[in-house]
C-alpha atoms as a PDB file:
ATOM      1  CA  MET A   1      25.938 -13.894 -12.875  1.00  0.00           C
ATOM      2  CA  ARG A   2      25.255 -16.576 -10.176  1.00  0.00           C
ATOM      3  CA  ARG A   3      26.014 -14.524  -7.455  1.00  0.00           C
ATOM      4  CA  LEU A   4      24.864 -16.810  -5.103  1.00  0.00           C
ATOM      5  CA  GLU A   5      26.375 -20.203  -6.516  1.00  0.00           C
ATOM      6  CA  ASN A   6      26.826 -22.889  -3.903  1.00  0.00           C
ATOM      7  CA  ARG A   7      25.174 -20.762  -1.635  1.00  0.00           C
ATOM      8  CA  THR A   8      22.401 -22.032   0.745  1.00  0.00           C
ATOM      9  CA  ALA A   9      19.255 -19.789   1.807  1.00  0.00           C
ATOM     10  CA  ILE A  10      16.621 -21.170   3.524  1.00  0.00           C
ATOM     11  CA  ILE A  11      13.398 -18.879   2.501  1.00  0.00           C
ATOM     12  CA  THR A  12      10.146 -19.124   5.420  1.00  0.00           C
ATOM     13  CA  GLY A  13       6.056 -18.206   4.047  1.00  0.00           C
ATOM     14  CA  ALA A  14       8.284 -18.887  -0.081  1.00  0.00           C
ATOM     15  CA  GLY A  15       5.067 -20.924  -1.044  1.00  0.00           C
ATOM     16  CA  ARG A  16       3.928 -17.742  -2.929  1.00  0.00           C
ATOM     17  CA  GLY A  17       3.371 -13.749  -3.020  1.00  0.00           C
ATOM     18  CA  ILE A  18       6.924 -12.266  -1.833  1.00  0.00           C
ATOM     19  CA  GLY A  19       8.256 -15.324  -0.740  1.00  0.00           C
ATOM     20  CA  ARG A  20       8.709 -17.328  -3.779  1.00  0.00           C
ATOM     21  CA  GLY A  21       9.731 -14.320  -5.739  1.00  0.00           C
ATOM     22  CA  ILE A  22      13.047 -14.039  -3.441  1.00  0.00           C
ATOM     23  CA  ALA A  23      13.057 -17.931  -4.232  1.00  0.00           C
ATOM     24  CA  GLU A  24      13.240 -17.333  -7.501  1.00  0.00           C
ATOM     25  CA  CYS A  25      15.452 -14.548  -7.811  1.00  0.00           C
ATOM     26  CA  PHE A  26      18.031 -16.507  -5.788  1.00  0.00           C
ATOM     27  CA  LEU A  27      17.503 -19.932  -7.574  1.00  0.00           C
ATOM     28  CA  LYS A  28      18.728 -17.312 -10.508  1.00  0.00           C
ATOM     29  CA  GLU A  29      22.032 -16.368  -8.561  1.00  0.00           C
ATOM     30  CA  GLY A  30      22.098 -20.166  -8.135  1.00  0.00           C
ATOM     31  CA  ALA A  31      21.876 -20.447  -4.620  1.00  0.00           C
ATOM     32  CA  ASN A  32      20.928 -23.517  -2.951  1.00  0.00           C
ATOM     33  CA  ILE A  33      16.671 -23.443  -1.693  1.00  0.00           C
ATOM     34  CA  ILE A  34      14.571 -24.286   1.083  1.00  0.00           C
ATOM     35  CA  ILE A  35      11.406 -23.775   0.718  1.00  0.00           C
ATOM     36  CA  ALA A  36       9.957 -23.296   4.703  1.00  0.00           C
ATOM     37  CA  ASP A  37       6.455 -22.875   4.513  1.00  0.00           C
ATOM     38  CA  CYS A  38       3.338 -23.995   6.679  1.00  0.00           C
ATOM     39  CA  ASN A  39       1.536 -24.858   3.557  1.00  0.00           C
ATOM     40  CA  GLN A  40       2.236 -28.187   2.839  1.00  0.00           C
ATOM     41  CA  GLU A  41       0.304 -28.142  -1.118  1.00  0.00           C
ATOM     42  CA  GLU A  42       1.918 -24.674  -1.891  1.00  0.00           C
ATOM     43  CA  GLY A  43       5.228 -25.694  -0.879  1.00  0.00           C
ATOM     44  CA  PHE A  44       5.404 -29.044  -2.836  1.00  0.00           C
ATOM     45  CA  LYS A  45       3.773 -27.239  -5.909  1.00  0.00           C
ATOM     46  CA  THR A  46       6.678 -24.228  -6.020  1.00  0.00           C
ATOM     47  CA  GLN A  47       8.941 -26.991  -4.940  1.00  0.00           C
ATOM     48  CA  GLU A  48       8.183 -28.797  -8.218  1.00  0.00           C
ATOM     49  CA  GLU A  49       7.948 -25.939 -10.111  1.00  0.00           C
ATOM     50  CA  LEU A  50      10.939 -23.967  -9.659  1.00  0.00           C
ATOM     51  CA  ARG A  51      12.775 -27.352 -10.373  1.00  0.00           C
ATOM     52  CA  GLN A  52      12.579 -26.979 -13.101  1.00  0.00           C
ATOM     53  CA  GLN A  53      15.007 -24.231 -13.130  1.00  0.00           C
ATOM     54  CA  SER A  54      17.408 -27.165 -10.881  1.00  0.00           C
ATOM     55  CA  GLU A  55      17.164 -29.709  -8.316  1.00  0.00           C
ATOM     56  CA  ASN A  56      19.269 -27.958  -5.837  1.00  0.00           C
ATOM     57  CA  VAL A  57      14.855 -26.884  -4.225  1.00  0.00           C
ATOM     58  CA  TYR A  58      14.103 -28.586  -1.097  1.00  0.00           C
ATOM     59  CA  PHE A  59      10.166 -27.672   0.301  1.00  0.00           C
ATOM     60  CA  ILE A  60      10.655 -28.292   4.034  1.00  0.00           C
ATOM     61  CA  GLN A  61       6.778 -27.693   5.978  1.00  0.00           C
ATOM     62  CA  THR A  62       7.348 -25.430   8.560  1.00  0.00           C
ATOM     63  CA  ASP A  63       5.439 -23.929  10.921  1.00  0.00           C
ATOM     64  CA  VAL A  64       7.398 -20.550  12.448  1.00  0.00           C
ATOM     65  CA  LYS A  65       5.414 -20.319  15.606  1.00  0.00           C
ATOM     66  CA  SER A  66       7.175 -24.097  16.387  1.00  0.00           C
ATOM     67  CA  GLU A  67      10.041 -23.938  17.841  1.00  0.00           C
ATOM     68  CA  ASP A  68      10.633 -27.813  17.288  1.00  0.00           C
ATOM     69  CA  SER A  69       9.283 -27.062  13.600  1.00  0.00           C
ATOM     70  CA  ILE A  70      12.398 -24.711  13.066  1.00  0.00           C
ATOM     71  CA  LYS A  71      15.158 -26.779  14.685  1.00  0.00           C
ATOM     72  CA  ASN A  72      14.145 -29.502  12.172  1.00  0.00           C
ATOM     73  CA  MET A  73      13.773 -27.072   9.390  1.00  0.00           C
ATOM     74  CA  VAL A  74      17.306 -26.114  10.348  1.00  0.00           C
ATOM     75  CA  ASN A  75      18.177 -29.794  10.873  1.00  0.00           C
ATOM     76  CA  ARG A  76      17.061 -31.015   8.050  1.00  0.00           C
ATOM     77  CA  THR A  77      19.101 -28.165   6.079  1.00  0.00           C
ATOM     78  CA  VAL A  78      22.063 -29.197   7.068  1.00  0.00           C
ATOM     79  CA  ASP A  79      21.466 -32.780   6.185  1.00  0.00           C
ATOM     80  CA  ILE A  80      20.735 -31.367   2.473  1.00  0.00           C
ATOM     81  CA  PHE A  81      23.306 -29.136   1.829  1.00  0.00           C
ATOM     82  CA  GLU A  82      25.691 -29.326   4.921  1.00  0.00           C
ATOM     83  CA  ARG A  83      25.320 -25.421   5.368  1.00  0.00           C
ATOM     84  CA  ILE A  84      23.460 -22.363   5.915  1.00  0.00           C
ATOM     85  CA  ASP A  85      24.319 -18.941   4.506  1.00  0.00           C
ATOM     86  CA  ILE A  86      21.326 -17.046   4.161  1.00  0.00           C
ATOM     87  CA  LEU A  87      18.372 -16.941   6.373  1.00  0.00           C
ATOM     88  CA  VAL A  88      15.439 -14.893   4.705  1.00  0.00           C
ATOM     89  CA  ASN A  89      12.329 -14.476   7.775  1.00  0.00           C
ATOM     90  CA  ASN A  90       9.581 -13.432   5.589  1.00  0.00           C
ATOM     91  CA  ALA A  91       6.422 -15.273   6.766  1.00  0.00           C
ATOM     92  CA  GLY A  92       3.767 -13.282   7.887  1.00  0.00           C
ATOM     93  CA  ILE A  93       0.444 -12.647   7.933  1.00  0.00           C
ATOM     94  CA  THR A  94      -1.535  -8.941   8.298  1.00  0.00           C
ATOM     95  CA  VAL A  95      -4.070  -8.335  11.348  1.00  0.00           C
ATOM     96  CA  PHE A  96      -5.550  -4.728  10.640  1.00  0.00           C
ATOM     97  CA  GLU A  97      -8.223  -4.260  13.243  1.00  0.00           C
ATOM     98  CA  THR A  98      -9.185  -1.425  15.411  1.00  0.00           C
ATOM     99  CA  LEU A  99      -7.861  -1.620  19.107  1.00  0.00           C
ATOM    100  CA  GLU A 100     -11.822  -2.202  20.097  1.00  0.00           C
ATOM    101  CA  ASN A 101     -12.223  -5.039  18.088  1.00  0.00           C
ATOM    102  CA  ALA A 102      -8.766  -7.129  18.439  1.00  0.00           C
ATOM    103  CA  THR A 103      -9.021 -10.293  20.614  1.00  0.00           C
ATOM    104  CA  ILE A 104      -5.699 -11.581  22.373  1.00  0.00           C
ATOM    105  CA  GLU A 105      -5.483 -13.925  19.930  1.00  0.00           C
ATOM    106  CA  ASP A 106      -4.805 -11.907  17.089  1.00  0.00           C
ATOM    107  CA  TRP A 107      -2.054 -10.129  18.865  1.00  0.00           C
ATOM    108  CA  ASP A 108      -0.415 -13.701  20.004  1.00  0.00           C
ATOM    109  CA  ASN A 109      -0.960 -14.905  16.220  1.00  0.00           C
ATOM    110  CA  LEU A 110       0.419 -12.126  14.499  1.00  0.00           C
ATOM    111  CA  ILE A 111       3.191 -11.591  16.975  1.00  0.00           C
ATOM    112  CA  ASN A 112       4.085 -15.015  17.096  1.00  0.00           C
ATOM    113  CA  ILE A 113       5.118 -15.225  13.262  1.00  0.00           C
ATOM    114  CA  ASP A 114       6.361 -11.992  12.553  1.00  0.00           C
ATOM    115  CA  LEU A 115       7.886 -11.704  15.144  1.00  0.00           C
ATOM    116  CA  ARG A 116       8.555 -14.649  17.358  1.00  0.00           C
ATOM    117  CA  GLY A 117       9.337 -16.698  14.118  1.00  0.00           C
ATOM    118  CA  PRO A 118      11.690 -14.377  13.148  1.00  0.00           C
ATOM    119  CA  PHE A 119      13.547 -14.696  16.180  1.00  0.00           C
ATOM    120  CA  LEU A 120      13.179 -18.230  16.503  1.00  0.00           C
ATOM    121  CA  CYS A 121      14.607 -19.137  12.826  1.00  0.00           C
ATOM    122  CA  SER A 122      17.637 -16.585  13.932  1.00  0.00           C
ATOM    123  CA  LYS A 123      18.238 -18.070  16.670  1.00  0.00           C
ATOM    124  CA  HIS A 124      18.656 -21.652  15.386  1.00  0.00           C
ATOM    125  CA  VAL A 125      20.339 -20.982  12.423  1.00  0.00           C
ATOM    126  CA  LEU A 126      22.961 -18.896  14.183  1.00  0.00           C
ATOM    127  CA  PRO A 127      26.021 -21.850  15.151  1.00  0.00           C
ATOM    128  CA  TYR A 128      26.046 -22.870  11.770  1.00  0.00           C
ATOM    129  CA  MET A 129      26.389 -19.546  10.624  1.00  0.00           C
ATOM    130  CA  LYS A 130      29.149 -19.018  13.178  1.00  0.00           C
ATOM    131  CA  LYS A 131      30.747 -21.909  12.162  1.00  0.00           C
ATOM    132  CA  GLN A 132      31.035 -20.822   8.995  1.00  0.00           C
ATOM    133  CA  LYS A 133      32.089 -17.016  10.307  1.00  0.00           C
ATOM    134  CA  LYS A 134      29.635 -15.305   7.497  1.00  0.00           C
ATOM    135  CA  GLY A 135      26.453 -15.433   6.717  1.00  0.00           C
ATOM    136  CA  SER A 136      23.171 -12.730   6.061  1.00  0.00           C
ATOM    137  CA  ILE A 137      19.664 -12.753   7.725  1.00  0.00           C
ATOM    138  CA  ILE A 138      17.501 -10.612   6.001  1.00  0.00           C
ATOM    139  CA  ASN A 139      13.961  -9.974   7.721  1.00  0.00           C
ATOM    140  CA  ILE A 140      11.334  -8.927   5.681  1.00  0.00           C
ATOM    141  CA  SER A 141       9.586  -6.404   7.474  1.00  0.00           C
ATOM    142  CA  SER A 142       7.355  -3.530   6.044  1.00  0.00           C
ATOM    143  CA  ASN A 143       6.466   0.230   5.496  1.00  0.00           C
ATOM    144  CA  HIS A 144       4.493   0.406   8.842  1.00  0.00           C
ATOM    145  CA  ALA A 145       7.588   0.042  10.888  1.00  0.00           C
ATOM    146  CA  VAL A 146       8.239   3.430   9.869  1.00  0.00           C
ATOM    147  CA  ALA A 147       5.323   5.167   9.002  1.00  0.00           C
ATOM    148  CA  THR A 148       2.013   3.695   9.524  1.00  0.00           C
ATOM    149  CA  LEU A 149      -2.017   4.567   9.729  1.00  0.00           C
ATOM    150  CA  PRO A 150      -4.771   4.006  12.516  1.00  0.00           C
ATOM    151  CA  ASP A 151      -6.425   0.477  13.836  1.00  0.00           C
ATOM    152  CA  THR A 152      -3.107  -0.474  11.801  1.00  0.00           C
ATOM    153  CA  GLU A 153      -1.995  -1.722  15.831  1.00  0.00           C
ATOM    154  CA  ILE A 154      -0.816  -5.230  16.481  1.00  0.00           C
ATOM    155  CA  TYR A 155       0.709  -5.340  12.418  1.00  0.00           C
ATOM    156  CA  ALA A 156       1.971  -1.618  13.311  1.00  0.00           C
ATOM    157  CA  ALA A 157       4.299  -3.282  16.707  1.00  0.00           C
ATOM    158  CA  ALA A 158       5.212  -6.342  14.957  1.00  0.00           C
ATOM    159  CA  LYS A 159       7.115  -4.796  11.772  1.00  0.00           C
ATOM    160  CA  GLY A 160       8.513  -2.243  14.542  1.00  0.00           C
ATOM    161  CA  GLY A 161       9.380  -5.225  16.534  1.00  0.00           C
ATOM    162  CA  VAL A 162      11.189  -6.667  13.647  1.00  0.00           C
ATOM    163  CA  ASN A 163      13.264  -3.766  12.525  1.00  0.00           C
ATOM    164  CA  ALA A 164      14.657  -2.640  16.391  1.00  0.00           C
ATOM    165  CA  MET A 165      15.795  -6.465  16.600  1.00  0.00           C
ATOM    166  CA  THR A 166      17.180  -5.879  13.259  1.00  0.00           C
ATOM    167  CA  ARG A 167      19.332  -3.064  14.202  1.00  0.00           C
ATOM    168  CA  SER A 168      20.088  -5.299  17.790  1.00  0.00           C
ATOM    169  CA  LEU A 169      20.645  -8.475  15.871  1.00  0.00           C
ATOM    170  CA  ALA A 170      22.647  -6.870  13.565  1.00  0.00           C
ATOM    171  CA  LEU A 171      25.567  -5.888  17.002  1.00  0.00           C
ATOM    172  CA  SER A 172      25.133  -8.550  18.184  1.00  0.00           C
ATOM    173  CA  LEU A 173      26.588 -10.593  15.452  1.00  0.00           C
ATOM    174  CA  GLY A 174      28.777  -8.890  13.914  1.00  0.00           C
ATOM    175  CA  ARG A 175      31.971 -10.046  15.570  1.00  0.00           C
ATOM    176  CA  TYR A 176      30.689 -12.960  13.785  1.00  0.00           C
ATOM    177  CA  GLY A 177      30.673 -11.650  10.209  1.00  0.00           C
ATOM    178  CA  ILE A 178      27.127 -12.353  10.598  1.00  0.00           C
ATOM    179  CA  ARG A 179      24.784  -9.002   9.004  1.00  0.00           C
ATOM    180  CA  VAL A 180      21.408  -8.735   9.767  1.00  0.00           C
ATOM    181  CA  ASN A 181      19.278  -5.999   7.056  1.00  0.00           C
ATOM    182  CA  ALA A 182      15.543  -5.909   6.885  1.00  0.00           C
ATOM    183  CA  ILE A 183      13.312  -5.066   3.549  1.00  0.00           C
ATOM    184  CA  CYS A 184      10.553  -2.917   4.785  1.00  0.00           C
ATOM    185  CA  PRO A 185       7.682  -3.069   1.562  1.00  0.00           C
ATOM    186  CA  GLY A 186       4.817  -1.264   0.643  1.00  0.00           C
ATOM    187  CA  PHE A 187       1.618  -2.777  -1.715  1.00  0.00           C
ATOM    188  CA  THR A 188       2.847  -5.729  -3.088  1.00  0.00           C
ATOM    189  CA  ASP A 189       1.383  -7.802  -6.029  1.00  0.00           C
ATOM    190  CA  THR A 190       0.672 -10.603  -4.594  1.00  0.00           C
ATOM    191  CA  PRO A 191      -2.199 -13.006  -4.590  1.00  0.00           C
ATOM    192  CA  HIS A 192      -3.050 -12.140  -1.099  1.00  0.00           C
ATOM    193  CA  TYR A 193      -2.761  -8.342  -2.207  1.00  0.00           C
ATOM    194  CA  ARG A 194      -5.201  -9.747  -5.615  1.00  0.00           C
ATOM    195  CA  GLN A 195      -7.780 -10.883  -3.610  1.00  0.00           C
ATOM    196  CA  TRP A 196      -7.814  -7.104  -1.169  1.00  0.00           C
ATOM    197  CA  LEU A 197      -8.312  -5.708  -4.409  1.00  0.00           C
ATOM    198  CA  GLU A 198     -11.172  -8.142  -5.462  1.00  0.00           C
ATOM    199  CA  ASP A 199     -12.860  -7.877  -2.008  1.00  0.00           C
ATOM    200  CA  SER A 200     -13.078  -4.483  -2.614  1.00  0.00           C
ATOM    201  CA  ASN A 201     -16.660  -2.833  -3.480  1.00  0.00           C
ATOM    202  CA  ASN A 202     -14.630  -1.019  -6.807  1.00  0.00           C
ATOM    203  CA  LYS A 203     -11.764  -3.231  -8.076  1.00  0.00           C
ATOM    204  CA  GLU A 204     -10.807  -0.350 -10.755  1.00  0.00           C
ATOM    205  CA  ARG A 205     -11.155   2.292  -8.299  1.00  0.00           C
ATOM    206  CA  VAL A 206      -9.018   0.876  -5.695  1.00  0.00           C
ATOM    207  CA  GLU A 207      -6.121   0.534  -8.383  1.00  0.00           C
ATOM    208  CA  ARG A 208      -6.170   3.421  -9.413  1.00  0.00           C
ATOM    209  CA  GLU A 209      -5.520   5.038  -6.215  1.00  0.00           C
ATOM    210  CA  VAL A 210      -3.261   2.761  -4.937  1.00  0.00           C
ATOM    211  CA  LYS A 211      -1.170   4.070  -7.650  1.00  0.00           C
ATOM    212  CA  ASN A 212      -0.899   6.749  -6.868  1.00  0.00           C
ATOM    213  CA  LEU A 213      -0.312   6.892  -3.634  1.00  0.00           C
ATOM    214  CA  HIS A 214       3.501   6.065  -5.110  1.00  0.00           C
ATOM    215  CA  ALA A 215       6.038   8.324  -6.714  1.00  0.00           C
ATOM    216  CA  LEU A 216       6.545   5.428  -9.425  1.00  0.00           C
ATOM    217  CA  LYS A 217       2.650   5.205 -10.179  1.00  0.00           C
ATOM    218  CA  THR A 218       2.605   1.177  -9.331  1.00  0.00           C
ATOM    219  CA  TYR A 219       3.583  -1.087  -6.404  1.00  0.00           C
ATOM    220  CA  CYS A 220       6.399  -2.989  -6.498  1.00  0.00           C
ATOM    221  CA  THR A 221       6.259  -6.720  -7.623  1.00  0.00           C
ATOM    222  CA  PRO A 222       7.775  -9.490  -5.510  1.00  0.00           C
ATOM    223  CA  GLU A 223      10.872  -9.758  -7.702  1.00  0.00           C
ATOM    224  CA  ASP A 224      11.423  -6.270  -6.793  1.00  0.00           C
ATOM    225  CA  ILE A 225      12.150  -7.259  -3.254  1.00  0.00           C
ATOM    226  CA  GLY A 226      14.000 -10.625  -4.694  1.00  0.00           C
ATOM    227  CA  ASN A 227      16.212  -8.248  -6.473  1.00  0.00           C
ATOM    228  CA  LEU A 228      16.883  -6.186  -3.152  1.00  0.00           C
ATOM    229  CA  ALA A 229      17.338  -9.621  -1.578  1.00  0.00           C
ATOM    230  CA  VAL A 230      19.774 -11.114  -3.730  1.00  0.00           C
ATOM    231  CA  TYR A 231      21.932  -8.009  -3.346  1.00  0.00           C
ATOM    232  CA  LEU A 232      21.417  -8.271   0.966  1.00  0.00           C
ATOM    233  CA  GLY A 233      22.340 -12.121   0.587  1.00  0.00           C
ATOM    234  CA  THR A 234      25.894 -11.204  -1.475  1.00  0.00           C
ATOM    235  CA  GLU A 235      29.534  -9.707  -0.724  1.00  0.00           C
ATOM    236  CA  GLU A 236      28.759  -6.566  -2.745  1.00  0.00           C
ATOM    237  CA  ALA A 237      26.346  -6.181   0.556  1.00  0.00           C
ATOM    238  CA  GLY A 238      29.332  -6.670   2.915  1.00  0.00           C
ATOM    239  CA  MET A 239      29.358  -2.489   4.818  1.00  0.00           C
ATOM    240  CA  MET A 240      25.730  -3.353   5.108  1.00  0.00           C
ATOM    241  CA  THR A 241      24.537  -4.489   7.693  1.00  0.00           C
ATOM    242  CA  GLY A 242      21.815  -2.926  10.347  1.00  0.00           C
ATOM    243  CA  GLU A 243      20.185  -1.433   8.079  1.00  0.00           C
ATOM    244  CA  ASN A 244      16.167  -1.441   7.717  1.00  0.00           C
ATOM    245  CA  ILE A 245      15.434  -0.400   3.563  1.00  0.00           C
ATOM    246  CA  VAL A 246      12.366   0.888   2.268  1.00  0.00           C
ATOM    247  CA  LEU A 247      11.376  -0.363  -0.602  1.00  0.00           C
ATOM    248  CA  ASP A 248       7.166   1.025  -1.641  1.00  0.00           C
ATOM    249  CA  GLY A 249       7.733   3.540  -4.852  1.00  0.00           C
ATOM    250  CA  GLY A 250       8.055   6.356  -2.401  1.00  0.00           C
ATOM    251  CA  VAL A 251       4.416   6.161  -0.462  1.00  0.00           C
ATOM    252  CA  ALA A 252       6.626   6.455   2.727  1.00  0.00           C
ATOM    253  CA  ALA A 253       8.119   9.375   1.544  1.00  0.00           C
ATOM    254  CA  ARG A 254       4.416  11.717   1.534  1.00  0.00           C
ATOM    255  CA  LEU A 255       3.515  13.637   4.596  1.00  0.00           C
ATOM    256  CA  TYR A 256      -0.233  12.392   3.600  1.00  0.00           C
ATOM    257  CA  HIS A 257      -2.019   8.792   2.766  1.00  0.00           C
ATOM    258  CA  SER A 258      -4.965   8.181   1.497  1.00  0.00           C
ATOM    259  CA  LYS A 259      -6.669   5.753   3.354  1.00  0.00           C
ATOM    260  CA  TYR A 260      -5.307   3.032   1.318  1.00  0.00           C
ATOM    261  CA  CYS A 261      -2.482   3.749   2.574  1.00  0.00           C
END
């Protein structure tokens, strides 16, 4: 349907995993894509592979911990495509650590990437979206923002902050025609998830238990998240803003969770 034809989307952390899945879905719908990622090798690799479908894909090396890096990314995006229609704040890391063992460096690094990064990216695309009187900001949060576990305090705090910021930004920016929503995924089939399985003591057992946590008995793919992000970027979602949408196959709907949730 090419529902995002001629629209420009910045996707942070799009070199692999969920971000890449979102980029692929956006590209199928005709969007111009900016891959904003700190990893140069993965960023260029994704750029070249997606350019087999469209020339309108550019990698811009970006460190979301750095405001100067974000400013450069936004300015280069406008130089290339002349507009910014969609921002997907996807870049993030995970730290699951006990309170006793967590360090201030763990806290600062995760908060700077997972919470401060979306704040700064949103701040610096705002002038262009305001000028256009239209825009969609999509924050990739987590089901840990709504239902979490012991020893995930830093991660849960960051993602809870993303959800709260999403609601507030939606109220602040609605007057400019800018919508702000969050997607809260659970287990997703990414390289990070696959490595976690490989590092477990019994990969087959752990994967079976993880799937059984889901009402649908399987976990998300990056494309599942990308399909929802496409919808949030289109006019079909024109009245949707301030929402934190859990997309986790029913994991967060459970009253009781195993240790793998």
